[in-house]
């Protein structure tokens, strides 16, 4: 993500992810990549806690599950917890970039986004 110009913030577990989001200014995060299996608080619980916060961006920020569990019930559980998408490991980086772009930019295609921002297709 650093290689494509994204600013990355890392949390060691779900509780830390929740604390970082809670302590941030509204709008700080454009997207959250949430590991599902973490110590202290798993990704589903952390997502539910973020969605329950009394701030508009908590309900709007795209949260994408990242997990080795790729069965239909895993996708369903992620969506039920309030996540906006699901990425299975091992991770396909291009799939991750496409999903993030779709969730952050509301489904606009890369050419429309590039034309709007003046960026090349690799942005």
PDB file of N, CA and C in Angstrom:
ATOM      1  N   UNK A   1       0.820  -1.207   0.000  1.00  0.00           N
ATOM      2  CA  UNK A   1       0.000   0.000   0.000  1.00  0.00           C
ATOM      3  C   UNK A   1       0.854   1.257   0.000  1.00  0.00           C
ATOM      4  N   UNK A   2       1.971   1.220   0.727  1.00  0.00           N
ATOM      5  CA  UNK A   2       2.895   2.360   0.714  1.00  0.00           C
ATOM      6  C   UNK A   2       3.392   2.637  -0.703  1.00  0.00           C
ATOM      7  N   UNK A   3       3.600   1.565  -1.487  1.00  0.00           N
ATOM      8  CA  UNK A   3       4.149   1.715  -2.835  1.00  0.00           C
ATOM      9  C   UNK A   3       3.190   2.421  -3.783  1.00  0.00           C
ATOM     10  N   UNK A   4       1.896   2.446  -3.465  1.00  0.00           N
ATOM     11  CA  UNK A   4       0.934   3.145  -4.327  1.00  0.00           C
ATOM     12  C   UNK A   4       0.499   4.471  -3.705  1.00  0.00           C
ATOM     13  N   UNK A   5       1.240   4.925  -2.686  1.00  0.00           N
ATOM     14  CA  UNK A   5       0.999   6.248  -2.127  1.00  0.00           C
ATOM     15  C   UNK A   5       0.017   6.315  -0.979  1.00  0.00           C
ATOM     16  N   UNK A   6      -0.428   5.171  -0.484  1.00  0.00           N
ATOM     17  CA  UNK A   6      -1.362   5.183   0.646  1.00  0.00           C
ATOM     18  C   UNK A   6      -0.604   5.390   1.947  1.00  0.00           C
ATOM     19  N   UNK A   7      -1.198   6.105   2.856  1.00  0.00           N
ATOM     20  CA  UNK A   7      -0.665   6.219   4.204  1.00  0.00           C
ATOM     21  C   UNK A   7      -1.275   5.083   5.003  1.00  0.00           C
ATOM     22  N   UNK A   8      -0.430   4.310   5.672  1.00  0.00           N
ATOM     23  CA  UNK A   8      -0.885   3.103   6.352  1.00  0.00           C
ATOM     24  C   UNK A   8      -0.697   3.252   7.850  1.00  0.00           C
ATOM     25  N   UNK A   9      -1.699   2.819   8.594  1.00  0.00           N
ATOM     26  CA  UNK A   9      -1.660   2.778  10.047  1.00  0.00           C
ATOM     27  C   UNK A   9      -1.928   1.325  10.427  1.00  0.00           C
ATOM     28  N   UNK A  10      -1.123   0.750  11.306  1.00  0.00           N
ATOM     29  CA  UNK A  10      -1.226  -0.667  11.638  1.00  0.00           C
ATOM     30  C   UNK A  10      -1.640  -0.833  13.097  1.00  0.00           C
ATOM     31  N   UNK A  11      -2.552  -1.770  13.330  1.00  0.00           N
ATOM     32  CA  UNK A  11      -2.969  -2.125  14.681  1.00  0.00           C
ATOM     33  C   UNK A  11      -2.623  -3.595  14.913  1.00  0.00           C
ATOM     34  N   UNK A  12      -2.158  -3.921  16.111  1.00  0.00           N
ATOM     35  CA  UNK A  12      -1.739  -5.284  16.434  1.00  0.00           C
ATOM     36  C   UNK A  12      -2.909  -6.214  16.713  1.00  0.00           C
ATOM     37  N   UNK A  13      -4.069  -5.643  17.052  1.00  0.00           N
ATOM     38  CA  UNK A  13      -5.242  -6.472  17.358  1.00  0.00           C
ATOM     39  C   UNK A  13      -6.501  -5.627  17.196  1.00  0.00           C
ATOM     40  N   UNK A  14      -7.642  -6.268  17.339  1.00  0.00           N
ATOM     41  CA  UNK A  14      -8.912  -5.571  17.143  1.00  0.00           C
ATOM     42  C   UNK A  14      -9.158  -4.445  18.123  1.00  0.00           C
ATOM     43  N   UNK A  15      -8.748  -4.647  19.369  1.00  0.00           N
ATOM     44  CA  UNK A  15      -8.941  -3.584  20.374  1.00  0.00           C
ATOM     45  C   UNK A  15      -8.115  -2.351  20.001  1.00  0.00           C
ATOM     46  N   UNK A  16      -6.891  -2.566  19.543  1.00  0.00           N
ATOM     47  CA  UNK A  16      -6.046  -1.445  19.125  1.00  0.00           C
ATOM     48  C   UNK A  16      -6.620  -0.767  17.884  1.00  0.00           C
ATOM     49  N   UNK A  17      -7.174  -1.538  16.967  1.00  0.00           N
ATOM     50  CA  UNK A  17      -7.812  -0.953  15.779  1.00  0.00           C
ATOM     51  C   UNK A  17      -8.970  -0.047  16.194  1.00  0.00           C
ATOM     52  N   UNK A  18      -9.791  -0.523  17.119  1.00  0.00           N
ATOM     53  CA  UNK A  18     -10.901   0.276  17.631  1.00  0.00           C
ATOM     54  C   UNK A  18     -10.393   1.536  18.316  1.00  0.00           C
ATOM     55  N   UNK A  19      -9.365   1.407  19.141  1.00  0.00           N
ATOM     56  CA  UNK A  19      -8.810   2.567  19.848  1.00  0.00           C
ATOM     57  C   UNK A  19      -8.243   3.593  18.875  1.00  0.00           C
ATOM     58  N   UNK A  20      -7.535   3.130  17.850  1.00  0.00           N
ATOM     59  CA  UNK A  20      -6.966   4.056  16.864  1.00  0.00           C
ATOM     60  C   UNK A  20      -8.071   4.780  16.109  1.00  0.00           C
ATOM     61  N   UNK A  21      -9.100   4.051  15.711  1.00  0.00           N
ATOM     62  CA  UNK A  21     -10.199   4.687  14.993  1.00  0.00           C
ATOM     63  C   UNK A  21     -10.903   5.696  15.896  1.00  0.00           C
ATOM     64  N   UNK A  22     -11.177   5.298  17.119  1.00  0.00           N
ATOM     65  CA  UNK A  22     -11.874   6.170  18.073  1.00  0.00           C
ATOM     66  C   UNK A  22     -11.082   7.445  18.350  1.00  0.00           C
ATOM     67  N   UNK A  23      -9.767   7.338  18.447  1.00  0.00           N
ATOM     68  CA  UNK A  23      -8.921   8.494  18.759  1.00  0.00           C
ATOM     69  C   UNK A  23      -8.653   9.391  17.549  1.00  0.00           C
ATOM     70  N   UNK A  24      -8.958   8.909  16.360  1.00  0.00           N
ATOM     71  CA  UNK A  24      -8.672   9.686  15.147  1.00  0.00           C
ATOM     72  C   UNK A  24      -9.719  10.760  14.908  1.00  0.00           C
ATOM     73  N   UNK A  25      -9.331  11.762  14.158  1.00  0.00           N
ATOM     74  CA  UNK A  25     -10.286  12.786  13.733  1.00  0.00           C
ATOM     75  C   UNK A  25     -11.235  12.162  12.711  1.00  0.00           C
ATOM     76  N   UNK A  26     -12.504  12.561  12.714  1.00  0.00           N
ATOM     77  CA  UNK A  26     -13.426  12.034  11.711  1.00  0.00           C
ATOM     78  C   UNK A  26     -12.877  12.235  10.298  1.00  0.00           C
ATOM     79  N   UNK A  27     -12.980  11.191   9.494  1.00  0.00           N
ATOM     80  CA  UNK A  27     -12.507  11.256   8.122  1.00  0.00           C
ATOM     81  C   UNK A  27     -11.043  10.890   7.936  1.00  0.00           C
ATOM     82  N   UNK A  28     -10.361  10.549   9.016  1.00  0.00           N
ATOM     83  CA  UNK A  28      -8.942  10.191   8.917  1.00  0.00           C
ATOM     84  C   UNK A  28      -8.742   8.981   8.029  1.00  0.00           C
ATOM     85  N   UNK A  29      -9.579   7.984   8.198  1.00  0.00           N
ATOM     86  CA  UNK A  29      -9.409   6.724   7.471  1.00  0.00           C
ATOM     87  C   UNK A  29     -10.341   6.654   6.275  1.00  0.00           C
ATOM     88  N   UNK A  30      -9.764   6.389   5.096  1.00  0.00           N
ATOM     89  CA  UNK A  30     -10.550   6.210   3.871  1.00  0.00           C
ATOM     90  C   UNK A  30     -11.054   4.783   3.761  1.00  0.00           C
ATOM     91  N   UNK A  31     -10.342   3.845   4.400  1.00  0.00           N
ATOM     92  CA  UNK A  31     -10.683   2.435   4.321  1.00  0.00           C
ATOM     93  C   UNK A  31      -9.977   1.708   5.459  1.00  0.00           C
ATOM     94  N   UNK A  32     -10.600   0.647   5.959  1.00  0.00           N
ATOM     95  CA  UNK A  32      -9.993  -0.180   6.988  1.00  0.00           C
ATOM     96  C   UNK A  32      -9.912  -1.604   6.458  1.00  0.00           C
ATOM     97  N   UNK A  33      -8.699  -2.156   6.436  1.00  0.00           N
ATOM     98  CA  UNK A  33      -8.501  -3.570   6.123  1.00  0.00           C
ATOM     99  C   UNK A  33      -8.432  -4.280   7.470  1.00  0.00           C
ATOM    100  N   UNK A  34      -9.444  -5.096   7.761  1.00  0.00           N
ATOM    101  CA  UNK A  34      -9.589  -5.674   9.092  1.00  0.00           C
ATOM    102  C   UNK A  34      -9.346  -7.178   9.056  1.00  0.00           C
ATOM    103  N   UNK A  35      -8.265  -7.609   9.704  1.00  0.00           N
ATOM    104  CA  UNK A  35      -8.036  -9.039   9.853  1.00  0.00           C
ATOM    105  C   UNK A  35      -9.159  -9.583  10.725  1.00  0.00           C
ATOM    106  N   UNK A  36      -9.671 -10.736  10.385  1.00  0.00           N
ATOM    107  CA  UNK A  36     -10.775 -11.306  11.143  1.00  0.00           C
ATOM    108  C   UNK A  36     -10.275 -11.994  12.408  1.00  0.00           C
ATOM    109  N   UNK A  37      -9.177 -12.724  12.319  1.00  0.00           N
ATOM    110  CA  UNK A  37      -8.681 -13.481  13.466  1.00  0.00           C
ATOM    111  C   UNK A  37      -7.520 -12.744  14.113  1.00  0.00           C
ATOM    112  N   UNK A  38      -7.836 -12.041  15.204  1.00  0.00           N
ATOM    113  CA  UNK A  38      -6.827 -11.286  15.940  1.00  0.00           C
ATOM    114  C   UNK A  38      -6.998 -11.550  17.425  1.00  0.00           C
ATOM    115  N   UNK A  39      -5.920 -11.372  18.201  1.00  0.00           N
ATOM    116  CA  UNK A  39      -6.035 -11.536  19.655  1.00  0.00           C
ATOM    117  C   UNK A  39      -6.799 -10.371  20.288  1.00  0.00           C
ATOM    118  N   UNK A  40      -7.223 -10.560  21.500  1.00  0.00           N
ATOM    119  CA  UNK A  40      -7.933  -9.579  22.328  1.00  0.00           C
ATOM    120  C   UNK A  40      -9.335  -9.275  21.832  1.00  0.00           C
ATOM    121  N   UNK A  41      -9.467  -8.884  20.584  1.00  0.00           N
ATOM    122  CA  UNK A  41     -10.779  -8.594  19.997  1.00  0.00           C
ATOM    123  C   UNK A  41     -10.675  -8.959  18.518  1.00  0.00           C
ATOM    124  N   UNK A  42     -11.537  -9.864  18.070  1.00  0.00           N
ATOM    125  CA  UNK A  42     -11.441 -10.263  16.665  1.00  0.00           C
ATOM    126  C   UNK A  42     -11.992  -9.174  15.751  1.00  0.00           C
ATOM    127  N   UNK A  43     -11.786  -9.352  14.458  1.00  0.00           N
ATOM    128  CA  UNK A  43     -12.194  -8.341  13.487  1.00  0.00           C
ATOM    129  C   UNK A  43     -13.686  -8.093  13.427  1.00  0.00           C
ATOM    130  N   UNK A  44     -14.480  -9.145  13.644  1.00  0.00           N
ATOM    131  CA  UNK A  44     -15.933  -8.952  13.648  1.00  0.00           C
ATOM    132  C   UNK A  44     -16.356  -8.059  14.815  1.00  0.00           C
ATOM    133  N   UNK A  45     -15.823  -8.339  16.005  1.00  0.00           N
ATOM    134  CA  UNK A  45     -16.162  -7.531  17.182  1.00  0.00           C
ATOM    135  C   UNK A  45     -15.659  -6.101  17.024  1.00  0.00           C
ATOM    136  N   UNK A  46     -14.457  -5.935  16.505  1.00  0.00           N
ATOM    137  CA  UNK A  46     -13.913  -4.590  16.302  1.00  0.00           C
ATOM    138  C   UNK A  46     -14.763  -3.810  15.297  1.00  0.00           C
ATOM    139  N   UNK A  47     -15.210  -4.478  14.246  1.00  0.00           N
ATOM    140  CA  UNK A  47     -16.052  -3.813  13.250  1.00  0.00           C
ATOM    141  C   UNK A  47     -17.387  -3.396  13.861  1.00  0.00           C
ATOM    142  N   UNK A  48     -18.017  -4.303  14.608  1.00  0.00           N
ATOM    143  CA  UNK A  48     -19.292  -3.951  15.261  1.00  0.00           C
ATOM    144  C   UNK A  48     -19.107  -2.763  16.197  1.00  0.00           C
ATOM    145  N   UNK A  49     -17.984  -2.719  16.916  1.00  0.00           N
ATOM    146  CA  UNK A  49     -17.724  -1.617  17.845  1.00  0.00           C
ATOM    147  C   UNK A  49     -17.492  -0.305  17.097  1.00  0.00           C
ATOM    148  N   UNK A  50     -16.776  -0.353  15.989  1.00  0.00           N
ATOM    149  CA  UNK A  50     -16.565   0.856  15.180  1.00  0.00           C
ATOM    150  C   UNK A  50     -17.906   1.344  14.639  1.00  0.00           C
ATOM    151  N   UNK A  51     -18.708   0.442  14.098  1.00  0.00           N
ATOM    152  CA  UNK A  51     -20.007   0.830  13.531  1.00  0.00           C
ATOM    153  C   UNK A  51     -20.928   1.429  14.582  1.00  0.00           C
ATOM    154  N   UNK A  52     -20.755   1.057  15.844  1.00  0.00           N
ATOM    155  CA  UNK A  52     -21.616   1.560  16.923  1.00  0.00           C
ATOM    156  C   UNK A  52     -21.194   2.921  17.459  1.00  0.00           C
ATOM    157  N   UNK A  53     -20.031   3.414  17.048  1.00  0.00           N
ATOM    158  CA  UNK A  53     -19.568   4.715  17.538  1.00  0.00           C
ATOM    159  C   UNK A  53     -20.506   5.829  17.082  1.00  0.00           C
ATOM    160  N   UNK A  54     -20.615   6.853  17.888  1.00  0.00           N
ATOM    161  CA  UNK A  54     -21.487   7.989  17.593  1.00  0.00           C
ATOM    162  C   UNK A  54     -20.765   9.028  16.748  1.00  0.00           C
ATOM    163  N   UNK A  55     -20.375   8.633  15.549  1.00  0.00           N
ATOM    164  CA  UNK A  55     -19.778   9.567  14.605  1.00  0.00           C
ATOM    165  C   UNK A  55     -20.083   9.056  13.203  1.00  0.00           C
ATOM    166  N   UNK A  56     -20.336   9.992  12.306  1.00  0.00           N
ATOM    167  CA  UNK A  56     -20.804   9.647  10.967  1.00  0.00           C
ATOM    168  C   UNK A  56     -19.834   8.751  10.203  1.00  0.00           C
ATOM    169  N   UNK A  57     -18.532   9.017  10.306  1.00  0.00           N
ATOM    170  CA  UNK A  57     -17.587   8.219   9.533  1.00  0.00           C
ATOM    171  C   UNK A  57     -17.512   6.771  10.017  1.00  0.00           C
ATOM    172  N   UNK A  58     -17.928   6.505  11.242  1.00  0.00           N
ATOM    173  CA  UNK A  58     -17.911   5.137  11.761  1.00  0.00           C
ATOM    174  C   UNK A  58     -18.876   4.240  10.997  1.00  0.00           C
ATOM    175  N   UNK A  59     -19.933   4.808  10.510  1.00  0.00           N
ATOM    176  CA  UNK A  59     -20.910   4.038   9.735  1.00  0.00           C
ATOM    177  C   UNK A  59     -20.582   4.045   8.248  1.00  0.00           C
ATOM    178  N   UNK A  60     -19.766   4.998   7.814  1.00  0.00           N
ATOM    179  CA  UNK A  60     -19.514   5.169   6.385  1.00  0.00           C
ATOM    180  C   UNK A  60     -18.182   4.601   5.903  1.00  0.00           C
ATOM    181  N   UNK A  61     -17.175   4.534   6.762  1.00  0.00           N
ATOM    182  CA  UNK A  61     -15.855   4.084   6.315  1.00  0.00           C
ATOM    183  C   UNK A  61     -15.942   2.632   5.830  1.00  0.00           C
ATOM    184  N   UNK A  62     -15.416   2.357   4.649  1.00  0.00           N
ATOM    185  CA  UNK A  62     -15.403   0.969   4.192  1.00  0.00           C
ATOM    186  C   UNK A  62     -14.491   0.124   5.071  1.00  0.00           C
ATOM    187  N   UNK A  63     -15.010  -1.000   5.545  1.00  0.00           N
ATOM    188  CA  UNK A  63     -14.226  -1.959   6.312  1.00  0.00           C
ATOM    189  C   UNK A  63     -14.240  -3.270   5.532  1.00  0.00           C
ATOM    190  N   UNK A  64     -13.054  -3.750   5.189  1.00  0.00           N
ATOM    191  CA  UNK A  64     -12.926  -4.948   4.372  1.00  0.00           C
ATOM    192  C   UNK A  64     -12.269  -6.050   5.189  1.00  0.00           C
ATOM    193  N   UNK A  65     -12.928  -7.197   5.258  1.00  0.00           N
ATOM    194  CA  UNK A  65     -12.398  -8.352   5.980  1.00  0.00           C
ATOM    195  C   UNK A  65     -11.230  -8.954   5.222  1.00  0.00           C
ATOM    196  N   UNK A  66     -10.213  -9.348   5.967  1.00  0.00           N
ATOM    197  CA  UNK A  66      -9.080 -10.080   5.402  1.00  0.00           C
ATOM    198  C   UNK A  66      -8.918 -11.339   6.241  1.00  0.00           C
ATOM    199  N   UNK A  67      -9.034 -12.501   5.607  1.00  0.00           N
ATOM    200  CA  UNK A  67      -8.991 -13.747   6.353  1.00  0.00           C
ATOM    201  C   UNK A  67      -8.633 -14.918   5.456  1.00  0.00           C
ATOM    202  N   UNK A  68      -8.096 -15.946   6.068  1.00  0.00           N
ATOM    203  CA  UNK A  68      -7.827 -17.178   5.336  1.00  0.00           C
ATOM    204  C   UNK A  68      -9.117 -17.976   5.145  1.00  0.00           C
ATOM    205  N   UNK A  69     -10.150 -17.626   5.870  1.00  0.00           N
ATOM    206  CA  UNK A  69     -11.436 -18.327   5.784  1.00  0.00           C
ATOM    207  C   UNK A  69     -12.251 -17.766   4.627  1.00  0.00           C
ATOM    208  N   UNK A  70     -12.465 -18.589   3.615  1.00  0.00           N
ATOM    209  CA  UNK A  70     -13.099 -18.094   2.389  1.00  0.00           C
ATOM    210  C   UNK A  70     -14.397 -18.811   2.045  1.00  0.00           C
ATOM    211  N   UNK A  71     -14.994 -19.485   3.001  1.00  0.00           N
ATOM    212  CA  UNK A  71     -16.264 -20.156   2.750  1.00  0.00           C
ATOM    213  C   UNK A  71     -17.399 -19.146   2.746  1.00  0.00           C
ATOM    214  N   UNK A  72     -18.517 -19.506   2.138  1.00  0.00           N
ATOM    215  CA  UNK A  72     -19.669 -18.598   2.063  1.00  0.00           C
ATOM    216  C   UNK A  72     -20.084 -18.100   3.441  1.00  0.00           C
ATOM    217  N   UNK A  73     -20.039 -18.975   4.449  1.00  0.00           N
ATOM    218  CA  UNK A  73     -20.447 -18.551   5.792  1.00  0.00           C
ATOM    219  C   UNK A  73     -19.476 -17.525   6.383  1.00  0.00           C
ATOM    220  N   UNK A  74     -18.212 -17.559   5.958  1.00  0.00           N
ATOM    221  CA  UNK A  74     -17.240 -16.562   6.420  1.00  0.00           C
ATOM    222  C   UNK A  74     -17.542 -15.193   5.820  1.00  0.00           C
ATOM    223  N   UNK A  75     -17.899 -15.184   4.546  1.00  0.00           N
ATOM    224  CA  UNK A  75     -18.283 -13.933   3.883  1.00  0.00           C
ATOM    225  C   UNK A  75     -19.549 -13.392   4.531  1.00  0.00           C
ATOM    226  N   UNK A  76     -20.522 -14.264   4.759  1.00  0.00           N
ATOM    227  CA  UNK A  76     -21.784 -13.860   5.385  1.00  0.00           C
ATOM    228  C   UNK A  76     -21.548 -13.287   6.778  1.00  0.00           C
ATOM    229  N   UNK A  77     -20.669 -13.926   7.561  1.00  0.00           N
ATOM    230  CA  UNK A  77     -20.372 -13.436   8.913  1.00  0.00           C
ATOM    231  C   UNK A  77     -19.711 -12.065   8.875  1.00  0.00           C
ATOM    232  N   UNK A  78     -18.817 -11.858   7.914  1.00  0.00           N
ATOM    233  CA  UNK A  78     -18.154 -10.558   7.785  1.00  0.00           C
ATOM    234  C   UNK A  78     -19.169  -9.468   7.448  1.00  0.00           C
ATOM    235  N   UNK A  79     -20.041  -9.755   6.509  1.00  0.00           N
ATOM    236  CA  UNK A  79     -21.053  -8.764   6.126  1.00  0.00           C
ATOM    237  C   UNK A  79     -22.030  -8.508   7.271  1.00  0.00           C
ATOM    238  N   UNK A  80     -22.389  -9.552   8.007  1.00  0.00           N
ATOM    239  CA  UNK A  80     -23.298  -9.399   9.144  1.00  0.00           C
ATOM    240  C   UNK A  80     -22.677  -8.559  10.254  1.00  0.00           C
ATOM    241  N   UNK A  81     -21.357  -8.594  10.373  1.00  0.00           N
ATOM    242  CA  UNK A  81     -20.664  -7.794  11.392  1.00  0.00           C
ATOM    243  C   UNK A  81     -20.570  -6.326  10.986  1.00  0.00           C
ATOM    244  N   UNK A  82     -20.929  -6.008   9.732  1.00  0.00           N
ATOM    245  CA  UNK A  82     -20.883  -4.618   9.281  1.00  0.00           C
ATOM    246  C   UNK A  82     -19.762  -4.325   8.311  1.00  0.00           C
ATOM    247  N   UNK A  83     -19.066  -5.363   7.868  1.00  0.00           N
ATOM    248  CA  UNK A  83     -17.989  -5.153   6.898  1.00  0.00           C
ATOM    249  C   UNK A  83     -18.583  -4.966   5.509  1.00  0.00           C
ATOM    250  N   UNK A  84     -17.828  -4.303   4.650  1.00  0.00           N
ATOM    251  CA  UNK A  84     -18.307  -3.963   3.316  1.00  0.00           C
ATOM    252  C   UNK A  84     -17.795  -4.891   2.228  1.00  0.00           C
ATOM    253  N   UNK A  85     -16.851  -5.748   2.565  1.00  0.00           N
ATOM    254  CA  UNK A  85     -16.276  -6.644   1.587  1.00  0.00           C
ATOM    255  C   UNK A  85     -15.440  -7.688   2.282  1.00  0.00           C
ATOM    256  N   UNK A  86     -14.945  -8.639   1.500  1.00  0.00           N
ATOM    257  CA  UNK A  86     -14.209  -9.777   2.042  1.00  0.00           C
ATOM    258  C   UNK A  86     -13.076 -10.127   1.093  1.00  0.00           C
ATOM    259  N   UNK A  87     -11.869 -10.233   1.610  1.00  0.00           N
ATOM    260  CA  UNK A  87     -10.712 -10.665   0.836  1.00  0.00           C
ATOM    261  C   UNK A  87     -10.136 -11.910   1.490  1.00  0.00           C
ATOM    262  N   UNK A  88      -9.953 -12.959   0.688  1.00  0.00           N
ATOM    263  CA  UNK A  88      -9.391 -14.201   1.203  1.00  0.00           C
ATOM    264  C   UNK A  88      -7.882 -14.208   1.033  1.00  0.00           C
ATOM    265  N   UNK A  89      -7.210 -14.813   1.993  1.00  0.00           N
ATOM    266  CA  UNK A  89      -5.770 -15.006   1.917  1.00  0.00           C
ATOM    267  C   UNK A  89      -5.516 -16.385   1.308  1.00  0.00           C
ATOM    268  N   UNK A  90      -4.468 -16.601   0.529  1.00  0.00           N
ATOM    269  CA  UNK A  90      -3.439 -15.612   0.251  1.00  0.00           C
ATOM    270  C   UNK A  90      -4.005 -14.475  -0.595  1.00  0.00           C
ATOM    271  N   UNK A  91      -3.535 -13.318  -0.298  1.00  0.00           N
ATOM    272  CA  UNK A  91      -4.072 -12.087  -0.866  1.00  0.00           C
ATOM    273  C   UNK A  91      -3.630 -11.868  -2.306  1.00  0.00           C
ATOM    274  N   UNK A  92      -4.575 -11.548  -3.163  1.00  0.00           N
ATOM    275  CA  UNK A  92      -4.284 -11.100  -4.526  1.00  0.00           C
ATOM    276  C   UNK A  92      -4.291  -9.570  -4.455  1.00  0.00           C
ATOM    277  N   UNK A  93      -3.139  -8.963  -4.586  1.00  0.00           N
ATOM    278  CA  UNK A  93      -2.988  -7.524  -4.387  1.00  0.00           C
ATOM    279  C   UNK A  93      -3.853  -6.725  -5.353  1.00  0.00           C
ATOM    280  N   UNK A  94      -3.914  -7.126  -6.602  1.00  0.00           N
ATOM    281  CA  UNK A  94      -4.729  -6.391  -7.579  1.00  0.00           C
ATOM    282  C   UNK A  94      -6.216  -6.451  -7.216  1.00  0.00           C
ATOM    283  N   UNK A  95      -6.666  -7.595  -6.720  1.00  0.00           N
ATOM    284  CA  UNK A  95      -8.062  -7.717  -6.267  1.00  0.00           C
ATOM    285  C   UNK A  95      -8.293  -6.787  -5.086  1.00  0.00           C
ATOM    286  N   UNK A  96      -7.332  -6.713  -4.170  1.00  0.00           N
ATOM    287  CA  UNK A  96      -7.450  -5.818  -3.025  1.00  0.00           C
ATOM    288  C   UNK A  96      -7.552  -4.360  -3.491  1.00  0.00           C
ATOM    289  N   UNK A  97      -6.674  -3.956  -4.418  1.00  0.00           N
ATOM    290  CA  UNK A  97      -6.714  -2.583  -4.916  1.00  0.00           C
ATOM    291  C   UNK A  97      -8.057  -2.275  -5.577  1.00  0.00           C
ATOM    292  N   UNK A  98      -8.563  -3.207  -6.381  1.00  0.00           N
ATOM    293  CA  UNK A  98      -9.855  -2.988  -7.050  1.00  0.00           C
ATOM    294  C   UNK A  98     -10.985  -2.845  -6.037  1.00  0.00           C
ATOM    295  N   UNK A  99     -11.018  -3.731  -5.035  1.00  0.00           N
ATOM    296  CA  UNK A  99     -12.075  -3.672  -4.029  1.00  0.00           C
ATOM    297  C   UNK A  99     -11.980  -2.385  -3.212  1.00  0.00           C
ATOM    298  N   UNK A 100     -10.763  -2.011  -2.829  1.00  0.00           N
ATOM    299  CA  UNK A 100     -10.601  -0.766  -2.081  1.00  0.00           C
ATOM    300  C   UNK A 100     -11.063   0.425  -2.910  1.00  0.00           C
ATOM    301  N   UNK A 101     -10.685   0.471  -4.174  1.00  0.00           N
ATOM    302  CA  UNK A 101     -11.085   1.566  -5.043  1.00  0.00           C
ATOM    303  C   UNK A 101     -12.599   1.623  -5.170  1.00  0.00           C
ATOM    304  N   UNK A 102     -13.210   0.460  -5.344  1.00  0.00           N
ATOM    305  CA  UNK A 102     -14.674   0.398  -5.465  1.00  0.00           C
ATOM    306  C   UNK A 102     -15.347   0.918  -4.201  1.00  0.00           C
ATOM    307  N   UNK A 103     -14.858   0.497  -3.039  1.00  0.00           N
ATOM    308  CA  UNK A 103     -15.492   0.896  -1.773  1.00  0.00           C
ATOM    309  C   UNK A 103     -15.199   2.362  -1.425  1.00  0.00           C
ATOM    310  N   UNK A 104     -13.994   2.818  -1.692  1.00  0.00           N
ATOM    311  CA  UNK A 104     -13.635   4.198  -1.355  1.00  0.00           C
ATOM    312  C   UNK A 104     -14.288   5.191  -2.310  1.00  0.00           C
ATOM    313  N   UNK A 105     -14.305   4.859  -3.589  1.00  0.00           N
ATOM    314  CA  UNK A 105     -14.793   5.792  -4.596  1.00  0.00           C
ATOM    315  C   UNK A 105     -16.202   5.467  -5.084  1.00  0.00           C
ATOM    316  N   UNK A 106     -16.912   4.623  -4.375  1.00  0.00           N
ATOM    317  CA  UNK A 106     -18.309   4.359  -4.686  1.00  0.00           C
ATOM    318  C   UNK A 106     -18.559   3.625  -5.984  1.00  0.00           C
ATOM    319  N   UNK A 107     -17.632   2.759  -6.371  1.00  0.00           N
ATOM    320  CA  UNK A 107     -17.869   1.943  -7.545  1.00  0.00           C
ATOM    321  C   UNK A 107     -17.492   2.581  -8.861  1.00  0.00           C
ATOM    322  N   UNK A 108     -16.944   3.793  -8.817  1.00  0.00           N
ATOM    323  CA  UNK A 108     -16.500   4.411 -10.067  1.00  0.00           C
ATOM    324  C   UNK A 108     -15.355   3.616 -10.638  1.00  0.00           C
ATOM    325  N   UNK A 109     -15.272   3.543 -11.946  1.00  0.00           N
ATOM    326  CA  UNK A 109     -14.170   2.800 -12.544  1.00  0.00           C
ATOM    327  C   UNK A 109     -12.878   3.614 -12.500  1.00  0.00           C
ATOM    328  N   UNK A 110     -11.756   2.947 -12.738  1.00  0.00           N
ATOM    329  CA  UNK A 110     -10.447   3.588 -12.619  1.00  0.00           C
ATOM    330  C   UNK A 110     -10.274   4.744 -13.591  1.00  0.00           C
ATOM    331  N   UNK A 111     -10.821   4.626 -14.809  1.00  0.00           N
ATOM    332  CA  UNK A 111     -10.665   5.706 -15.787  1.00  0.00           C
ATOM    333  C   UNK A 111     -11.409   6.958 -15.332  1.00  0.00           C
ATOM    334  N   UNK A 112     -12.607   6.794 -14.794  1.00  0.00           N
ATOM    335  CA  UNK A 112     -13.360   7.956 -14.311  1.00  0.00           C
ATOM    336  C   UNK A 112     -12.620   8.605 -13.146  1.00  0.00           C
ATOM    337  N   UNK A 113     -12.094   7.782 -12.240  1.00  0.00           N
ATOM    338  CA  UNK A 113     -11.357   8.321 -11.100  1.00  0.00           C
ATOM    339  C   UNK A 113     -10.089   9.031 -11.581  1.00  0.00           C
ATOM    340  N   UNK A 114      -9.389   8.434 -12.537  1.00  0.00           N
ATOM    341  CA  UNK A 114      -8.162   9.041 -13.053  1.00  0.00           C
ATOM    342  C   UNK A 114      -8.462  10.365 -13.731  1.00  0.00           C
ATOM    343  N   UNK A 115      -9.554  10.417 -14.491  1.00  0.00           N
ATOM    344  CA  UNK A 115      -9.927  11.661 -15.188  1.00  0.00           C
ATOM    345  C   UNK A 115     -10.284  12.741 -14.173  1.00  0.00           C
ATOM    346  N   UNK A 116     -10.956  12.333 -13.112  1.00  0.00           N
ATOM    347  CA  UNK A 116     -11.389  13.283 -12.080  1.00  0.00           C
ATOM    348  C   UNK A 116     -10.211  13.844 -11.281  1.00  0.00           C
ATOM    349  N   UNK A 117      -9.226  12.978 -11.002  1.00  0.00           N
ATOM    350  CA  UNK A 117      -8.111  13.396 -10.148  1.00  0.00           C
ATOM    351  C   UNK A 117      -6.879  13.834 -10.929  1.00  0.00           C
ATOM    352  N   UNK A 118      -6.862  13.544 -12.235  1.00  0.00           N
ATOM    353  CA  UNK A 118      -5.695  13.880 -13.037  1.00  0.00           C
ATOM    354  C   UNK A 118      -4.586  12.851 -12.896  1.00  0.00           C
ATOM    355  N   UNK A 119      -4.903  11.748 -12.218  1.00  0.00           N
ATOM    356  CA  UNK A 119      -3.902  10.703 -12.007  1.00  0.00           C
ATOM    357  C   UNK A 119      -3.905   9.729 -13.180  1.00  0.00           C
ATOM    358  N   UNK A 120      -2.807   9.044 -13.343  1.00  0.00           N
ATOM    359  CA  UNK A 120      -2.713   8.008 -14.350  1.00  0.00           C
ATOM    360  C   UNK A 120      -3.472   6.778 -13.909  1.00  0.00           C
ATOM    361  N   UNK A 121      -3.585   5.786 -14.771  1.00  0.00           N
ATOM    362  CA  UNK A 121      -4.353   4.590 -14.430  1.00  0.00           C
ATOM    363  C   UNK A 121      -3.763   3.778 -13.287  1.00  0.00           C
ATOM    364  N   UNK A 122      -2.484   3.999 -12.962  1.00  0.00           N
ATOM    365  CA  UNK A 122      -1.913   3.250 -11.864  1.00  0.00           C
ATOM    366  C   UNK A 122      -2.221   3.862 -10.499  1.00  0.00           C
ATOM    367  N   UNK A 123      -2.883   4.998 -10.451  1.00  0.00           N
ATOM    368  CA  UNK A 123      -3.185   5.653  -9.178  1.00  0.00           C
ATOM    369  C   UNK A 123      -4.380   5.016  -8.507  1.00  0.00           C
TER     370      UNK A 123
END
